[in-house]
C-alpha atoms as a PDB file:
ATOM      1  CA  MET A   1      95.367 115.023  89.727  1.00  0.00           C
ATOM      2  CA  THR A   2      93.525 112.272  91.586  1.00  0.00           C
ATOM      3  CA  LEU A   3      93.421 111.534  95.311  1.00  0.00           C
ATOM      4  CA  LEU A   4      96.093 108.875  94.789  1.00  0.00           C
ATOM      5  CA  ASP A   5      98.449 111.447  93.236  1.00  0.00           C
ATOM      6  CA  THR A   6      98.320 113.584  96.388  1.00  0.00           C
ATOM      7  CA  PRO A   7     101.747 113.971  98.004  1.00  0.00           C
ATOM      8  CA  ILE A   8     101.919 112.852 101.642  1.00  0.00           C
ATOM      9  CA  ALA A   9     105.001 111.794 103.552  1.00  0.00           C
ATOM     10  CA  ARG A  10     105.285 108.470 105.310  1.00  0.00           C
ATOM     11  CA  LEU A  11     105.546 108.486 109.105  1.00  0.00           C
ATOM     12  CA  ASP A  12     109.339 108.277 108.827  1.00  0.00           C
ATOM     13  CA  GLY A  13     109.307 111.472 106.734  1.00  0.00           C
ATOM     14  CA  THR A  14     110.101 109.938 103.359  1.00  0.00           C
ATOM     15  CA  PRO A  15     108.112 111.572 100.565  1.00  0.00           C
ATOM     16  CA  ALA A  16     105.385 109.606  98.810  1.00  0.00           C
ATOM     17  CA  THR A  17     102.004 109.898  97.202  1.00  0.00           C
ATOM     18  CA  LEU A  18      98.909 108.331  98.673  1.00  0.00           C
ATOM     19  CA  GLY A  19      98.918 105.873  95.754  1.00  0.00           C
ATOM     20  CA  GLU A  20     102.459 104.777  96.583  1.00  0.00           C
ATOM     21  CA  ILE A  21     101.436 104.197 100.189  1.00  0.00           C
ATOM     22  CA  THR A  22      98.334 102.200  99.246  1.00  0.00           C
ATOM     23  CA  GLY A  23     100.296 100.134  96.740  1.00  0.00           C
ATOM     24  CA  GLY A  24      97.641 100.444  94.041  1.00  0.00           C
ATOM     25  CA  LYS A  25      95.059  98.594  96.165  1.00  0.00           C
ATOM     26  CA  PRO A  26      91.781  99.809  97.629  1.00  0.00           C
ATOM     27  CA  ALA A  27      92.380 101.417 100.998  1.00  0.00           C
ATOM     28  CA  LEU A  28      90.804 102.219 104.334  1.00  0.00           C
ATOM     29  CA  LEU A  29      92.090 105.640 105.404  1.00  0.00           C
ATOM     30  CA  VAL A  30      91.783 106.372 109.130  1.00  0.00           C
ATOM     31  CA  ASN A  31      92.781 109.473 111.081  1.00  0.00           C
ATOM     32  CA  VAL A  32      94.375 107.960 114.167  1.00  0.00           C
ATOM     33  CA  ALA A  33      95.512 109.105 117.619  1.00  0.00           C
ATOM     34  CA  SER A  34      97.456 107.368 120.385  1.00  0.00           C
ATOM     35  CA  LYS A  35      95.736 108.856 123.440  1.00  0.00           C
ATOM     36  CA  CYS A  36      92.060 108.655 122.467  1.00  0.00           C
ATOM     37  CA  GLY A  37      89.289 106.566 123.980  1.00  0.00           C
ATOM     38  CA  LEU A  38      88.947 105.011 120.509  1.00  0.00           C
ATOM     39  CA  THR A  39      92.665 104.108 120.280  1.00  0.00           C
ATOM     40  CA  PRO A  40      91.946 100.400 120.978  1.00  0.00           C
ATOM     41  CA  GLN A  41      90.505 100.327 117.436  1.00  0.00           C
ATOM     42  CA  TYR A  42      94.131  99.901 116.333  1.00  0.00           C
ATOM     43  CA  GLU A  43      93.773  96.219 117.230  1.00  0.00           C
ATOM     44  CA  ALA A  44      90.802  95.684 114.880  1.00  0.00           C
ATOM     45  CA  LEU A  45      92.460  97.837 112.187  1.00  0.00           C
ATOM     46  CA  GLU A  46      95.523  95.582 112.320  1.00  0.00           C
ATOM     47  CA  GLN A  47      93.308  92.497 112.100  1.00  0.00           C
ATOM     48  CA  LEU A  48      91.503  93.968 109.070  1.00  0.00           C
ATOM     49  CA  ALA A  49      94.860  94.798 107.473  1.00  0.00           C
ATOM     50  CA  GLU A  50      96.072  91.229 108.020  1.00  0.00           C
ATOM     51  CA  THR A  51      92.840  89.596 106.830  1.00  0.00           C
ATOM     52  CA  TYR A  52      92.758  91.554 103.559  1.00  0.00           C
ATOM     53  CA  ALA A  53      96.511  92.072 103.110  1.00  0.00           C
ATOM     54  CA  ASP A  54      96.487  91.042  99.441  1.00  0.00           C
ATOM     55  CA  GLN A  55      93.419  93.125  98.563  1.00  0.00           C
ATOM     56  CA  LEU A  56      93.288  96.211 100.809  1.00  0.00           C
ATOM     57  CA  THR A  57      95.714  98.612 102.459  1.00  0.00           C
ATOM     58  CA  VAL A  58      94.815 100.134 105.813  1.00  0.00           C
ATOM     59  CA  VAL A  59      96.528 103.514 106.196  1.00  0.00           C
ATOM     60  CA  GLY A  60      96.794 105.407 109.482  1.00  0.00           C
ATOM     61  CA  LEU A  61      96.949 109.192 109.213  1.00  0.00           C
ATOM     62  CA  PRO A  62      97.936 110.577 112.638  1.00  0.00           C
ATOM     63  CA  CYS A  63      96.177 113.776 113.654  1.00  0.00           C
ATOM     64  CA  ASN A  64      96.462 115.915 116.799  1.00  0.00           C
ATOM     65  CA  GLN A  65      93.428 118.145 116.162  1.00  0.00           C
ATOM     66  CA  PHE A  66      91.000 116.442 118.537  1.00  0.00           C
ATOM     67  CA  GLY A  67      91.822 117.105 122.174  1.00  0.00           C
ATOM     68  CA  GLY A  68      95.588 116.999 121.522  1.00  0.00           C
ATOM     69  CA  GLN A  69      95.369 113.199 121.545  1.00  0.00           C
ATOM     70  CA  GLU A  70      98.312 112.607 119.162  1.00  0.00           C
ATOM     71  CA  PRO A  71     101.016 114.797 120.731  1.00  0.00           C
ATOM     72  CA  GLY A  72     104.010 112.551 120.027  1.00  0.00           C
ATOM     73  CA  SER A  73     106.754 112.760 117.460  1.00  0.00           C
ATOM     74  CA  SER A  74     106.767 110.433 114.474  1.00  0.00           C
ATOM     75  CA  GLU A  75     109.174 108.144 116.317  1.00  0.00           C
ATOM     76  CA  GLU A  76     106.956 108.072 119.418  1.00  0.00           C
ATOM     77  CA  ILE A  77     103.854 107.332 117.325  1.00  0.00           C
ATOM     78  CA  ALA A  78     105.615 104.491 115.498  1.00  0.00           C
ATOM     79  CA  GLU A  79     106.925 102.979 118.747  1.00  0.00           C
ATOM     80  CA  PHE A  80     103.542 103.207 120.494  1.00  0.00           C
ATOM     81  CA  CYS A  81     101.628 101.656 117.594  1.00  0.00           C
ATOM     82  CA  SER A  82     104.110  98.850 117.121  1.00  0.00           C
ATOM     83  CA  ALA A  83     104.698  98.005 120.773  1.00  0.00           C
ATOM     84  CA  THR A  84     101.122  98.411 122.004  1.00  0.00           C
ATOM     85  CA  TYR A  85      99.029  97.132 119.088  1.00  0.00           C
ATOM     86  CA  GLY A  86     101.480  95.399 116.749  1.00  0.00           C
ATOM     87  CA  VAL A  87     100.575  97.802 113.954  1.00  0.00           C
ATOM     88  CA  SER A  88     102.229  96.824 110.696  1.00  0.00           C
ATOM     89  CA  PHE A  89     100.089  98.790 108.238  1.00  0.00           C
ATOM     90  CA  PRO A  90     101.501 102.015 106.751  1.00  0.00           C
ATOM     91  CA  MET A  91     101.235 105.302 108.586  1.00  0.00           C
ATOM     92  CA  THR A  92     101.682 108.808 107.212  1.00  0.00           C
ATOM     93  CA  GLU A  93     103.122 111.956 108.651  1.00  0.00           C
ATOM     94  CA  LYS A  94     100.987 113.737 111.246  1.00  0.00           C
ATOM     95  CA  ILE A  95      98.472 115.935 109.416  1.00  0.00           C
ATOM     96  CA  GLU A  96      95.433 118.142 109.957  1.00  0.00           C
ATOM     97  CA  VAL A  97      92.063 116.861 108.758  1.00  0.00           C
ATOM     98  CA  ASN A  98      89.964 119.999 109.330  1.00  0.00           C
ATOM     99  CA  GLY A  99      90.328 123.761 109.063  1.00  0.00           C
ATOM    100  CA  GLU A 100      92.645 125.984 107.071  1.00  0.00           C
ATOM    101  CA  GLY A 101      95.544 123.553 107.469  1.00  0.00           C
ATOM    102  CA  ARG A 102      93.521 120.557 106.225  1.00  0.00           C
ATOM    103  CA  HIS A 103      95.742 118.222 104.217  1.00  0.00           C
ATOM    104  CA  ALA A 104      94.817 117.826 100.540  1.00  0.00           C
ATOM    105  CA  VAL A 105      94.009 114.127 101.120  1.00  0.00           C
ATOM    106  CA  TYR A 106      91.145 115.191 103.384  1.00  0.00           C
ATOM    107  CA  ASP A 107      90.001 117.884 100.952  1.00  0.00           C
ATOM    108  CA  ALA A 108      89.087 114.980  98.684  1.00  0.00           C
ATOM    109  CA  LEU A 109      87.502 112.865 101.438  1.00  0.00           C
ATOM    110  CA  VAL A 110      85.205 115.087 103.472  1.00  0.00           C
ATOM    111  CA  GLY A 111      82.549 115.500 100.776  1.00  0.00           C
ATOM    112  CA  GLN A 112      81.579 111.834 101.129  1.00  0.00           C
ATOM    113  CA  PRO A 113      78.333 111.155 103.038  1.00  0.00           C
ATOM    114  CA  TYR A 114      78.314 108.650 105.891  1.00  0.00           C
ATOM    115  CA  ALA A 115      77.521 105.000 105.177  1.00  0.00           C
ATOM    116  CA  ASP A 116      76.437 104.528 108.799  1.00  0.00           C
ATOM    117  CA  GLU A 117      74.379 106.631 111.196  1.00  0.00           C
ATOM    118  CA  GLY A 118      77.211 109.104 111.684  1.00  0.00           C
ATOM    119  CA  GLY A 119      78.384 108.318 115.204  1.00  0.00           C
ATOM    120  CA  PHE A 120      78.508 111.353 117.476  1.00  0.00           C
ATOM    121  CA  LYS A 121      76.227 113.375 115.226  1.00  0.00           C
ATOM    122  CA  LYS A 122      73.361 111.240 114.018  1.00  0.00           C
ATOM    123  CA  ASN A 123      73.142 111.360 110.216  1.00  0.00           C
ATOM    124  CA  PRO A 124      75.451 114.370 109.791  1.00  0.00           C
ATOM    125  CA  GLU A 125      75.944 116.106 106.502  1.00  0.00           C
ATOM    126  CA  PRO A 126      79.194 115.480 104.640  1.00  0.00           C
ATOM    127  CA  GLY A 127      81.896 117.839 105.845  1.00  0.00           C
ATOM    128  CA  ASP A 128      84.498 118.087 108.554  1.00  0.00           C
ATOM    129  CA  VAL A 129      85.841 115.003 110.265  1.00  0.00           C
ATOM    130  CA  GLN A 130      84.081 114.579 113.632  1.00  0.00           C
ATOM    131  CA  TRP A 131      86.821 112.949 115.718  1.00  0.00           C
ATOM    132  CA  ASN A 132      89.735 110.524 115.711  1.00  0.00           C
ATOM    133  CA  PHE A 133      89.251 107.179 113.918  1.00  0.00           C
ATOM    134  CA  GLU A 134      86.848 108.369 111.217  1.00  0.00           C
ATOM    135  CA  LYS A 135      87.214 105.934 108.315  1.00  0.00           C
ATOM    136  CA  PHE A 136      87.139 106.412 104.534  1.00  0.00           C
ATOM    137  CA  LEU A 137      87.045 103.486 102.118  1.00  0.00           C
ATOM    138  CA  VAL A 138      88.688 104.301  98.777  1.00  0.00           C
ATOM    139  CA  ASP A 139      88.796 102.117  95.661  1.00  0.00           C
ATOM    140  CA  ALA A 140      91.967 101.317  93.706  1.00  0.00           C
ATOM    141  CA  ASP A 141      91.289 104.312  91.406  1.00  0.00           C
ATOM    142  CA  GLY A 142      91.135 106.728  94.331  1.00  0.00           C
ATOM    143  CA  GLN A 143      87.358 107.164  94.385  1.00  0.00           C
ATOM    144  CA  VAL A 144      85.851 107.499  97.851  1.00  0.00           C
ATOM    145  CA  VAL A 145      83.192 104.802  98.175  1.00  0.00           C
ATOM    146  CA  ALA A 146      82.204 104.919 101.861  1.00  0.00           C
ATOM    147  CA  ARG A 147      82.670 106.950 105.031  1.00  0.00           C
ATOM    148  CA  PHE A 148      82.250 105.597 108.541  1.00  0.00           C
ATOM    149  CA  ALA A 149      81.941 107.449 111.829  1.00  0.00           C
ATOM    150  CA  PRO A 150      84.663 107.316 114.479  1.00  0.00           C
ATOM    151  CA  THR A 151      82.557 105.037 116.685  1.00  0.00           C
ATOM    152  CA  THR A 152      82.062 102.477 113.914  1.00  0.00           C
ATOM    153  CA  THR A 153      84.677  99.858 114.700  1.00  0.00           C
ATOM    154  CA  PRO A 154      86.815  98.262 111.980  1.00  0.00           C
ATOM    155  CA  ASP A 155      85.111  94.911 112.632  1.00  0.00           C
ATOM    156  CA  ASP A 156      81.597  96.354 112.366  1.00  0.00           C
ATOM    157  CA  PRO A 157      79.545  94.189 109.951  1.00  0.00           C
ATOM    158  CA  ALA A 158      78.634  97.178 107.760  1.00  0.00           C
ATOM    159  CA  LEU A 159      82.262  98.240 107.363  1.00  0.00           C
ATOM    160  CA  VAL A 160      83.422  94.666 106.720  1.00  0.00           C
ATOM    161  CA  ALA A 161      80.649  94.222 104.137  1.00  0.00           C
ATOM    162  CA  ALA A 162      81.746  97.429 102.384  1.00  0.00           C
ATOM    163  CA  VAL A 163      85.338  96.173 102.301  1.00  0.00           C
ATOM    164  CA  GLN A 164      84.259  92.771 100.990  1.00  0.00           C
ATOM    165  CA  GLY A 165      82.100  94.402  98.326  1.00  0.00           C
ATOM    166  CA  LEU A 166      85.023  96.505  97.191  1.00  0.00           C
ATOM    167  CA  VAL A 167      87.659  93.772  97.075  1.00  0.00           C
ATOM    168  CA  ALA A 168      85.421  91.009  95.668  1.00  0.00           C
END
């Protein structure tokens, strides 16, 4: 089984695999939260999703593990993202990214080293997700090709260059 075969429900609860959600395209997977200081990154994520719509799928994976910053129901998350940031990219069910309850998608992601300086922890080792809005770039075959810290914005030149290199 590959990362893309991993079952994960959509935000509305309908069953899917990660590959069905990404539509067979490379993807940027981001653990998101509605009440985080980094939440304004939704705007740049939406812009990235629109710019590369034919070549890349941005996927939001809501998580409430960091400071309880994603407390809402699926309906509340969808309404907030749509009304506040115009989010149109796919979102999954709320999941855990660390610990015993870590979703299988993140089991496959957290071994990837950081492509940037690591954000909160300078040059951290691969392992647990540090905070909301950590980003993983995955190719169309489900291979993790880059990991970016939560503080690396979606319009950061290094992240954009990694996306362009993948979709070229």
